[in-house]
């Protein structure tokens, strides 16, 4: 079964909270986005959060 790793480029992240607004796996700490779970079994709302990031700071890669 596929798993996905969430990668957040914190240098790009502007802390706008768009990801946290659409997905409960994201939170904002010290002005930057963090994933509560970095490895997930299902993409779910994480993909929506990545797509909605205005600076494209969130990517997801499939891992074994």
PDB file of N, CA and C in Angstrom:
ATOM      1  N   UNK A   1       0.833  -1.176   0.000  1.00  0.00           N
ATOM      2  CA  UNK A   1       0.000   0.000   0.000  1.00  0.00           C
ATOM      3  C   UNK A   1       0.882   1.245   0.000  1.00  0.00           C
ATOM      4  N   UNK A   2       0.514   2.203  -0.804  1.00  0.00           N
ATOM      5  CA  UNK A   2       1.299   3.429  -0.926  1.00  0.00           C
ATOM      6  C   UNK A   2       1.171   4.293   0.322  1.00  0.00           C
ATOM      7  N   UNK A   3       2.252   4.984   0.605  1.00  0.00           N
ATOM      8  CA  UNK A   3       2.249   5.992   1.661  1.00  0.00           C
ATOM      9  C   UNK A   3       2.842   7.257   1.050  1.00  0.00           C
ATOM     10  N   UNK A   4       2.513   8.369   1.650  1.00  0.00           N
ATOM     11  CA  UNK A   4       2.958   9.642   1.102  1.00  0.00           C
ATOM     12  C   UNK A   4       3.631  10.472   2.185  1.00  0.00           C
ATOM     13  N   UNK A   5       4.728  11.129   1.796  1.00  0.00           N
ATOM     14  CA  UNK A   5       5.444  12.010   2.708  1.00  0.00           C
ATOM     15  C   UNK A   5       5.114  13.452   2.331  1.00  0.00           C
ATOM     16  N   UNK A   6       4.751  14.229   3.343  1.00  0.00           N
ATOM     17  CA  UNK A   6       4.452  15.638   3.145  1.00  0.00           C
ATOM     18  C   UNK A   6       5.720  16.427   3.422  1.00  0.00           C
ATOM     19  N   UNK A   7       6.116  17.241   2.454  1.00  0.00           N
ATOM     20  CA  UNK A   7       7.324  18.048   2.582  1.00  0.00           C
ATOM     21  C   UNK A   7       6.922  19.516   2.507  1.00  0.00           C
ATOM     22  N   UNK A   8       7.324  20.279   3.508  1.00  0.00           N
ATOM     23  CA  UNK A   8       7.016  21.701   3.541  1.00  0.00           C
ATOM     24  C   UNK A   8       8.317  22.483   3.468  1.00  0.00           C
ATOM     25  N   UNK A   9       8.430  23.329   2.452  1.00  0.00           N
ATOM     26  CA  UNK A   9       9.593  24.193   2.308  1.00  0.00           C
ATOM     27  C   UNK A   9       9.339  25.424   3.181  1.00  0.00           C
ATOM     28  N   UNK A  10       9.910  25.430   4.364  1.00  0.00           N
ATOM     29  CA  UNK A  10       9.623  26.504   5.318  1.00  0.00           C
ATOM     30  C   UNK A  10      10.238  27.838   4.908  1.00  0.00           C
ATOM     31  N   UNK A  11      11.205  27.815   4.007  1.00  0.00           N
ATOM     32  CA  UNK A  11      11.729  29.083   3.498  1.00  0.00           C
ATOM     33  C   UNK A  11      10.708  29.753   2.587  1.00  0.00           C
ATOM     34  N   UNK A  12       9.953  28.955   1.841  1.00  0.00           N
ATOM     35  CA  UNK A  12       8.906  29.486   0.976  1.00  0.00           C
ATOM     36  C   UNK A  12       7.646  29.833   1.753  1.00  0.00           C
ATOM     37  N   UNK A  13       7.347  29.064   2.806  1.00  0.00           N
ATOM     38  CA  UNK A  13       6.100  29.195   3.558  1.00  0.00           C
ATOM     39  C   UNK A  13       5.949  30.611   4.114  1.00  0.00           C
ATOM     40  N   UNK A  14       4.772  31.208   3.881  1.00  0.00           N
ATOM     41  CA  UNK A  14       4.501  32.551   4.396  1.00  0.00           C
ATOM     42  C   UNK A  14       3.561  32.506   5.607  1.00  0.00           C
ATOM     43  N   UNK A  15       3.183  31.299   6.034  1.00  0.00           N
ATOM     44  CA  UNK A  15       2.355  31.153   7.229  1.00  0.00           C
ATOM     45  C   UNK A  15       0.943  31.683   7.088  1.00  0.00           C
ATOM     46  N   UNK A  16       0.398  31.659   5.886  1.00  0.00           N
ATOM     47  CA  UNK A  16      -0.929  32.239   5.650  1.00  0.00           C
ATOM     48  C   UNK A  16      -2.062  31.401   6.250  1.00  0.00           C
ATOM     49  N   UNK A  17      -1.814  30.108   6.467  1.00  0.00           N
ATOM     50  CA  UNK A  17      -2.815  29.243   7.078  1.00  0.00           C
ATOM     51  C   UNK A  17      -3.801  28.624   6.109  1.00  0.00           C
ATOM     52  N   UNK A  18      -3.599  28.803   4.812  1.00  0.00           N
ATOM     53  CA  UNK A  18      -4.513  28.216   3.829  1.00  0.00           C
ATOM     54  C   UNK A  18      -4.563  26.695   3.964  1.00  0.00           C
ATOM     55  N   UNK A  19      -3.436  26.078   4.226  1.00  0.00           N
ATOM     56  CA  UNK A  19      -3.381  24.620   4.370  1.00  0.00           C
ATOM     57  C   UNK A  19      -4.175  24.161   5.598  1.00  0.00           C
ATOM     58  N   UNK A  20      -3.975  24.858   6.704  1.00  0.00           N
ATOM     59  CA  UNK A  20      -4.672  24.505   7.951  1.00  0.00           C
ATOM     60  C   UNK A  20      -6.170  24.742   7.850  1.00  0.00           C
ATOM     61  N   UNK A  21      -6.573  25.680   7.005  1.00  0.00           N
ATOM     62  CA  UNK A  21      -8.000  25.976   6.838  1.00  0.00           C
ATOM     63  C   UNK A  21      -8.743  24.849   6.131  1.00  0.00           C
ATOM     64  N   UNK A  22      -8.034  24.091   5.279  1.00  0.00           N
ATOM     65  CA  UNK A  22      -8.701  23.032   4.512  1.00  0.00           C
ATOM     66  C   UNK A  22      -8.353  21.622   4.973  1.00  0.00           C
ATOM     67  N   UNK A  23      -7.350  21.480   5.832  1.00  0.00           N
ATOM     68  CA  UNK A  23      -6.928  20.140   6.249  1.00  0.00           C
ATOM     69  C   UNK A  23      -6.466  20.155   7.705  1.00  0.00           C
ATOM     70  N   UNK A  24      -7.079  19.302   8.514  1.00  0.00           N
ATOM     71  CA  UNK A  24      -6.741  19.275   9.939  1.00  0.00           C
ATOM     72  C   UNK A  24      -5.385  18.636  10.237  1.00  0.00           C
ATOM     73  N   UNK A  25      -4.693  18.156   9.211  1.00  0.00           N
ATOM     74  CA  UNK A  25      -3.354  17.609   9.413  1.00  0.00           C
ATOM     75  C   UNK A  25      -2.302  18.723   9.480  1.00  0.00           C
ATOM     76  N   UNK A  26      -2.691  19.947   9.161  1.00  0.00           N
ATOM     77  CA  UNK A  26      -1.744  21.062   9.162  1.00  0.00           C
ATOM     78  C   UNK A  26      -2.031  22.011  10.311  1.00  0.00           C
ATOM     79  N   UNK A  27      -0.966  22.605  10.817  1.00  0.00           N
ATOM     80  CA  UNK A  27      -1.069  23.607  11.867  1.00  0.00           C
ATOM     81  C   UNK A  27      -0.028  24.683  11.601  1.00  0.00           C
ATOM     82  N   UNK A  28      -0.250  25.835  12.168  1.00  0.00           N
ATOM     83  CA  UNK A  28       0.707  26.936  12.030  1.00  0.00           C
ATOM     84  C   UNK A  28       1.376  27.132  13.391  1.00  0.00           C
ATOM     85  N   UNK A  29       2.710  27.080  13.383  1.00  0.00           N
ATOM     86  CA  UNK A  29       3.502  27.313  14.590  1.00  0.00           C
ATOM     87  C   UNK A  29       4.610  28.290  14.248  1.00  0.00           C
ATOM     88  N   UNK A  30       4.757  29.304  15.073  1.00  0.00           N
ATOM     89  CA  UNK A  30       5.815  30.307  14.872  1.00  0.00           C
ATOM     90  C   UNK A  30       5.803  30.869  13.459  1.00  0.00           C
ATOM     91  N   UNK A  31       4.606  31.060  12.911  1.00  0.00           N
ATOM     92  CA  UNK A  31       4.463  31.681  11.600  1.00  0.00           C
ATOM     93  C   UNK A  31       4.757  30.786  10.412  1.00  0.00           C
ATOM     94  N   UNK A  32       4.852  29.480  10.624  1.00  0.00           N
ATOM     95  CA  UNK A  32       5.133  28.541   9.542  1.00  0.00           C
ATOM     96  C   UNK A  32       4.204  27.340   9.630  1.00  0.00           C
ATOM     97  N   UNK A  33       3.980  26.690   8.507  1.00  0.00           N
ATOM     98  CA  UNK A  33       3.120  25.512   8.438  1.00  0.00           C
ATOM     99  C   UNK A  33       3.884  24.258   8.855  1.00  0.00           C
ATOM    100  N   UNK A  34       3.192  23.383   9.566  1.00  0.00           N
ATOM    101  CA  UNK A  34       3.735  22.090   9.966  1.00  0.00           C
ATOM    102  C   UNK A  34       2.673  21.028   9.739  1.00  0.00           C
ATOM    103  N   UNK A  35       3.086  19.836   9.307  1.00  0.00           N
ATOM    104  CA  UNK A  35       2.171  18.703   9.190  1.00  0.00           C
ATOM    105  C   UNK A  35       2.197  17.943  10.505  1.00  0.00           C
ATOM    106  N   UNK A  36       1.025  17.666  11.045  1.00  0.00           N
ATOM    107  CA  UNK A  36       0.945  16.895  12.289  1.00  0.00           C
ATOM    108  C   UNK A  36       1.459  15.478  12.054  1.00  0.00           C
ATOM    109  N   UNK A  37       1.134  14.910  10.888  1.00  0.00           N
ATOM    110  CA  UNK A  37       1.664  13.610  10.458  1.00  0.00           C
ATOM    111  C   UNK A  37       2.374  13.845   9.133  1.00  0.00           C
ATOM    112  N   UNK A  38       3.668  13.595   9.091  1.00  0.00           N
ATOM    113  CA  UNK A  38       4.440  13.812   7.871  1.00  0.00           C
ATOM    114  C   UNK A  38       4.289  12.656   6.885  1.00  0.00           C
ATOM    115  N   UNK A  39       4.002  11.468   7.388  1.00  0.00           N
ATOM    116  CA  UNK A  39       3.783  10.298   6.540  1.00  0.00           C
ATOM    117  C   UNK A  39       2.315   9.898   6.691  1.00  0.00           C
ATOM    118  N   UNK A  40       1.594   9.849   5.570  1.00  0.00           N
ATOM    119  CA  UNK A  40       0.171   9.500   5.606  1.00  0.00           C
ATOM    120  C   UNK A  40      -0.101   8.351   4.642  1.00  0.00           C
ATOM    121  N   UNK A  41      -1.120   7.559   4.947  1.00  0.00           N
ATOM    122  CA  UNK A  41      -1.488   6.427   4.090  1.00  0.00           C
ATOM    123  C   UNK A  41      -2.384   6.861   2.938  1.00  0.00           C
ATOM    124  N   UNK A  42      -3.170   7.909   3.165  1.00  0.00           N
ATOM    125  CA  UNK A  42      -4.069   8.413   2.136  1.00  0.00           C
ATOM    126  C   UNK A  42      -3.810   9.898   1.939  1.00  0.00           C
ATOM    127  N   UNK A  43      -3.895  10.324   0.694  1.00  0.00           N
ATOM    128  CA  UNK A  43      -3.629  11.731   0.391  1.00  0.00           C
ATOM    129  C   UNK A  43      -4.696  12.623   1.009  1.00  0.00           C
ATOM    130  N   UNK A  44      -5.958  12.293   0.790  1.00  0.00           N
ATOM    131  CA  UNK A  44      -7.068  13.036   1.373  1.00  0.00           C
ATOM    132  C   UNK A  44      -6.937  14.540   1.228  1.00  0.00           C
ATOM    133  N   UNK A  45      -7.225  15.250   2.315  1.00  0.00           N
ATOM    134  CA  UNK A  45      -7.205  16.705   2.293  1.00  0.00           C
ATOM    135  C   UNK A  45      -5.793  17.283   2.182  1.00  0.00           C
ATOM    136  N   UNK A  46      -4.781  16.463   2.381  1.00  0.00           N
ATOM    137  CA  UNK A  46      -3.402  16.938   2.249  1.00  0.00           C
ATOM    138  C   UNK A  46      -3.131  17.441   0.837  1.00  0.00           C
ATOM    139  N   UNK A  47      -3.701  16.777  -0.151  1.00  0.00           N
ATOM    140  CA  UNK A  47      -3.534  17.191  -1.544  1.00  0.00           C
ATOM    141  C   UNK A  47      -4.215  18.533  -1.781  1.00  0.00           C
ATOM    142  N   UNK A  48      -5.377  18.717  -1.180  1.00  0.00           N
ATOM    143  CA  UNK A  48      -6.095  19.987  -1.295  1.00  0.00           C
ATOM    144  C   UNK A  48      -5.276  21.107  -0.665  1.00  0.00           C
ATOM    145  N   UNK A  49      -4.670  20.816   0.484  1.00  0.00           N
ATOM    146  CA  UNK A  49      -3.832  21.806   1.158  1.00  0.00           C
ATOM    147  C   UNK A  49      -2.634  22.184   0.297  1.00  0.00           C
ATOM    148  N   UNK A  50      -1.990  21.201  -0.306  1.00  0.00           N
ATOM    149  CA  UNK A  50      -0.836  21.472  -1.168  1.00  0.00           C
ATOM    150  C   UNK A  50      -1.241  22.297  -2.382  1.00  0.00           C
ATOM    151  N   UNK A  51      -2.369  21.950  -2.980  1.00  0.00           N
ATOM    152  CA  UNK A  51      -2.840  22.665  -4.165  1.00  0.00           C
ATOM    153  C   UNK A  51      -3.239  24.108  -3.830  1.00  0.00           C
ATOM    154  N   UNK A  52      -3.694  24.340  -2.602  1.00  0.00           N
ATOM    155  CA  UNK A  52      -4.144  25.666  -2.211  1.00  0.00           C
ATOM    156  C   UNK A  52      -3.060  26.575  -1.662  1.00  0.00           C
ATOM    157  N   UNK A  53      -1.856  26.054  -1.534  1.00  0.00           N
ATOM    158  CA  UNK A  53      -0.759  26.876  -1.005  1.00  0.00           C
ATOM    159  C   UNK A  53      -0.393  27.953  -2.038  1.00  0.00           C
ATOM    160  N   UNK A  54      -0.499  29.229  -1.667  1.00  0.00           N
ATOM    161  CA  UNK A  54      -0.247  30.289  -2.646  1.00  0.00           C
ATOM    162  C   UNK A  54       1.213  30.419  -3.089  1.00  0.00           C
ATOM    163  N   UNK A  55       2.132  29.838  -2.333  1.00  0.00           N
ATOM    164  CA  UNK A  55       3.553  29.922  -2.695  1.00  0.00           C
ATOM    165  C   UNK A  55       4.145  28.555  -3.036  1.00  0.00           C
ATOM    166  N   UNK A  56       3.277  27.546  -3.184  1.00  0.00           N
ATOM    167  CA  UNK A  56       3.704  26.189  -3.548  1.00  0.00           C
ATOM    168  C   UNK A  56       4.792  25.643  -2.628  1.00  0.00           C
ATOM    169  N   UNK A  57       4.582  25.815  -1.328  1.00  0.00           N
ATOM    170  CA  UNK A  57       5.575  25.358  -0.345  1.00  0.00           C
ATOM    171  C   UNK A  57       5.357  23.908   0.080  1.00  0.00           C
ATOM    172  N   UNK A  58       4.226  23.300  -0.319  1.00  0.00           N
ATOM    173  CA  UNK A  58       3.908  21.945   0.123  1.00  0.00           C
ATOM    174  C   UNK A  58       3.955  20.990  -1.057  1.00  0.00           C
ATOM    175  N   UNK A  59       4.720  19.914  -0.901  1.00  0.00           N
ATOM    176  CA  UNK A  59       4.746  18.854  -1.901  1.00  0.00           C
ATOM    177  C   UNK A  59       4.526  17.527  -1.208  1.00  0.00           C
ATOM    178  N   UNK A  60       4.091  16.553  -2.005  1.00  0.00           N
ATOM    179  CA  UNK A  60       3.874  15.216  -1.484  1.00  0.00           C
ATOM    180  C   UNK A  60       4.581  14.239  -2.407  1.00  0.00           C
ATOM    181  N   UNK A  61       5.291  13.295  -1.804  1.00  0.00           N
ATOM    182  CA  UNK A  61       5.967  12.262  -2.585  1.00  0.00           C
ATOM    183  C   UNK A  61       5.575  10.886  -2.060  1.00  0.00           C
ATOM    184  N   UNK A  62       5.459   9.955  -2.973  1.00  0.00           N
ATOM    185  CA  UNK A  62       5.138   8.584  -2.584  1.00  0.00           C
ATOM    186  C   UNK A  62       6.388   7.924  -2.026  1.00  0.00           C
ATOM    187  N   UNK A  63       6.232   7.249  -0.891  1.00  0.00           N
ATOM    188  CA  UNK A  63       7.350   6.547  -0.266  1.00  0.00           C
ATOM    189  C   UNK A  63       6.971   5.081  -0.073  1.00  0.00           C
ATOM    190  N   UNK A  64       7.978   4.247   0.091  1.00  0.00           N
ATOM    191  CA  UNK A  64       7.746   2.814   0.296  1.00  0.00           C
ATOM    192  C   UNK A  64       7.505   2.540   1.748  1.00  0.00           C
TER     193      UNK A  64
END
